[in-house]
Amino acid sequence: MMHSKSLWFLLLIVCNIVLPGCTGSKYVHFGCIGEAPHRILRAKAGKLKPNSPWHCQQFCKGYTYFGVQYSHECFCGNNLHGQITPKQCTMPCAGNGLLRCGGSSIIDVYISIN
């Protein structure tokens, strides 16, 4: 199994070479992950309005990972806890309805690029 930091580094390389511009301003999308039965980002949490990946990243400044969930929730952490189970994000973000912000027990995770 590949170490998570190695996976992120590989993701950054592929993203920037194969899909230029996919990193947005300062983050890379990791994916939608199911959270049952435990939260995978545990260091900091907040309900943001408006909320979007960009708003959540600002809230989580200084953390490696951040994630949006249930339209208005934002979670931060330096580690992912538990099993990584890919899921489908379906709930629109409270700050930008064109973007998806997780769902019920589903978090859309990003990694900050410093």
Protein backbone atom coordinates (compact mmCIF):
# COMPACT_ATOMS: atom_id res chain seq x y z
CA MET A 1 0.00 0.00 0.00
CA MET A 2 1.31 3.44 -0.95
CA HIS A 3 2.02 5.93 1.88
CA SER A 4 -0.51 8.82 1.83
CA LYS A 5 2.14 11.55 1.34
CA SER A 6 3.57 9.62 -1.63
CA LEU A 7 0.09 9.32 -3.07
CA TRP A 8 -0.46 13.07 -2.73
CA PHE A 9 2.87 13.84 -4.40
CA LEU A 10 2.00 11.52 -7.29
CA LEU A 11 -1.46 13.10 -7.54
CA LEU A 12 0.08 16.59 -7.74
CA ILE A 13 2.46 15.52 -10.51
CA VAL A 14 -0.26 13.83 -12.57
CA CYS A 15 -2.66 16.71 -12.00
CA ASN A 16 -0.20 19.37 -13.13
CA ILE A 17 1.21 17.48 -16.12
CA VAL A 18 -1.81 15.61 -17.46
CA LEU A 19 -4.56 18.07 -16.45
CA PRO A 20 -3.03 21.58 -16.26
CA GLY A 21 -5.06 23.95 -14.11
CA CYS A 22 -6.84 21.24 -12.11
CA THR A 23 -5.34 22.48 -8.86
CA GLY A 24 -7.47 25.63 -8.70
CA SER A 25 -5.72 28.26 -6.65
CA LYS A 26 -4.18 26.43 -3.71
CA TYR A 27 -5.65 22.94 -3.41
CA VAL A 28 -6.07 19.58 -5.14
CA HIS A 29 -9.24 17.52 -5.02
CA PHE A 30 -8.76 14.11 -3.39
CA GLY A 31 -12.31 12.79 -3.71
CA CYS A 32 -15.59 12.08 -1.98
CA ILE A 33 -15.25 9.72 0.95
CA GLY A 34 -17.83 7.97 3.13
CA GLU A 35 -17.47 8.81 6.81
CA ALA A 36 -19.55 6.18 8.56
CA PRO A 37 -19.03 5.30 11.32
CA HIS A 38 -16.31 7.89 12.24
CA ARG A 39 -15.16 11.30 11.05
CA ILE A 40 -11.95 11.18 8.97
CA LEU A 41 -10.88 14.81 9.57
CA ARG A 42 -10.89 15.53 13.29
CA ALA A 43 -8.70 18.53 14.14
CA LYS A 44 -11.13 21.42 13.54
CA ALA A 45 -14.75 21.79 12.42
CA GLY A 46 -17.15 24.58 11.58
CA LYS A 47 -20.45 25.41 9.91
CA LEU A 48 -19.71 27.98 7.23
CA LYS A 49 -22.08 30.21 5.35
CA PRO A 50 -21.16 30.66 2.61
CA ASN A 51 -19.28 27.40 2.17
CA SER A 52 -17.26 26.04 -0.75
CA PRO A 53 -13.86 24.36 -1.07
CA TRP A 54 -12.26 27.82 -1.17
CA HIS A 55 -14.08 29.04 1.98
CA CYS A 56 -13.25 25.83 3.81
CA GLN A 57 -9.57 26.07 2.86
CA GLN A 58 -9.44 29.59 4.33
CA PHE A 59 -11.06 28.27 7.54
CA CYS A 60 -8.55 25.38 7.66
CA LYS A 61 -5.44 27.49 7.03
CA GLY A 62 -2.38 25.65 8.37
CA TYR A 63 -3.87 22.15 7.97
CA THR A 64 -2.88 19.64 5.29
CA TYR A 65 -6.39 18.36 4.53
CA PHE A 66 -9.78 20.00 4.48
CA GLY A 67 -13.19 18.77 3.50
CA VAL A 68 -16.69 20.04 2.83
CA GLN A 69 -19.75 18.10 3.87
CA TYR A 70 -23.53 18.45 4.01
CA SER A 71 -23.52 21.75 2.09
CA HIS A 72 -22.34 24.00 4.96
CA GLU A 73 -19.91 21.96 7.09
CA CYS A 74 -16.11 22.23 6.94
CA PHE A 75 -13.55 19.91 8.56
CA CYS A 76 -9.77 20.16 8.86
CA GLY A 77 -6.88 17.88 9.77
CA ASN A 78 -3.31 16.87 9.13
CA ASN A 79 -4.19 13.17 8.86
CA LEU A 80 -6.99 11.10 7.39
CA HIS A 81 -8.44 8.71 10.00
CA GLY A 82 -10.12 5.41 9.23
CA GLN A 83 -10.99 3.60 6.03
CA ILE A 84 -11.01 5.52 2.74
CA THR A 85 -14.21 4.48 0.94
CA PRO A 86 -15.00 6.36 -2.30
CA LYS A 87 -18.56 7.72 -2.52
CA GLN A 88 -20.60 10.10 -4.70
CA CYS A 89 -20.93 13.74 -3.56
CA THR A 90 -24.38 15.07 -4.41
CA MET A 91 -25.14 18.05 -2.14
CA PRO A 92 -24.58 21.57 -3.56
CA CYS A 93 -22.32 23.95 -1.61
CA ALA A 94 -23.98 26.68 0.43
CA GLY A 95 -21.59 29.23 -1.11
CA ASN A 96 -21.73 28.06 -4.73
CA GLY A 97 -24.55 25.80 -5.91
CA LEU A 98 -22.53 24.77 -8.98
CA LEU A 99 -20.04 22.96 -6.72
CA ARG A 100 -20.67 19.84 -4.63
CA CYS A 101 -20.05 19.82 -0.89
CA GLY A 102 -20.32 16.19 0.12
CA GLY A 103 -23.57 14.76 1.38
CA SER A 104 -24.99 12.96 4.38
CA SER A 105 -22.02 11.10 5.96
CA ILE A 106 -19.98 11.88 2.81
CA ILE A 107 -17.12 14.38 2.81
CA ASP A 108 -15.44 15.93 -0.23
CA VAL A 109 -11.73 16.01 0.69
CA TYR A 110 -8.97 18.30 -0.61
CA ILE A 111 -5.28 18.74 0.11
CA SER A 112 -3.84 22.22 0.57
CA ILE A 113 -0.85 23.25 -1.51
CA ASN A 114 1.43 25.52 0.48
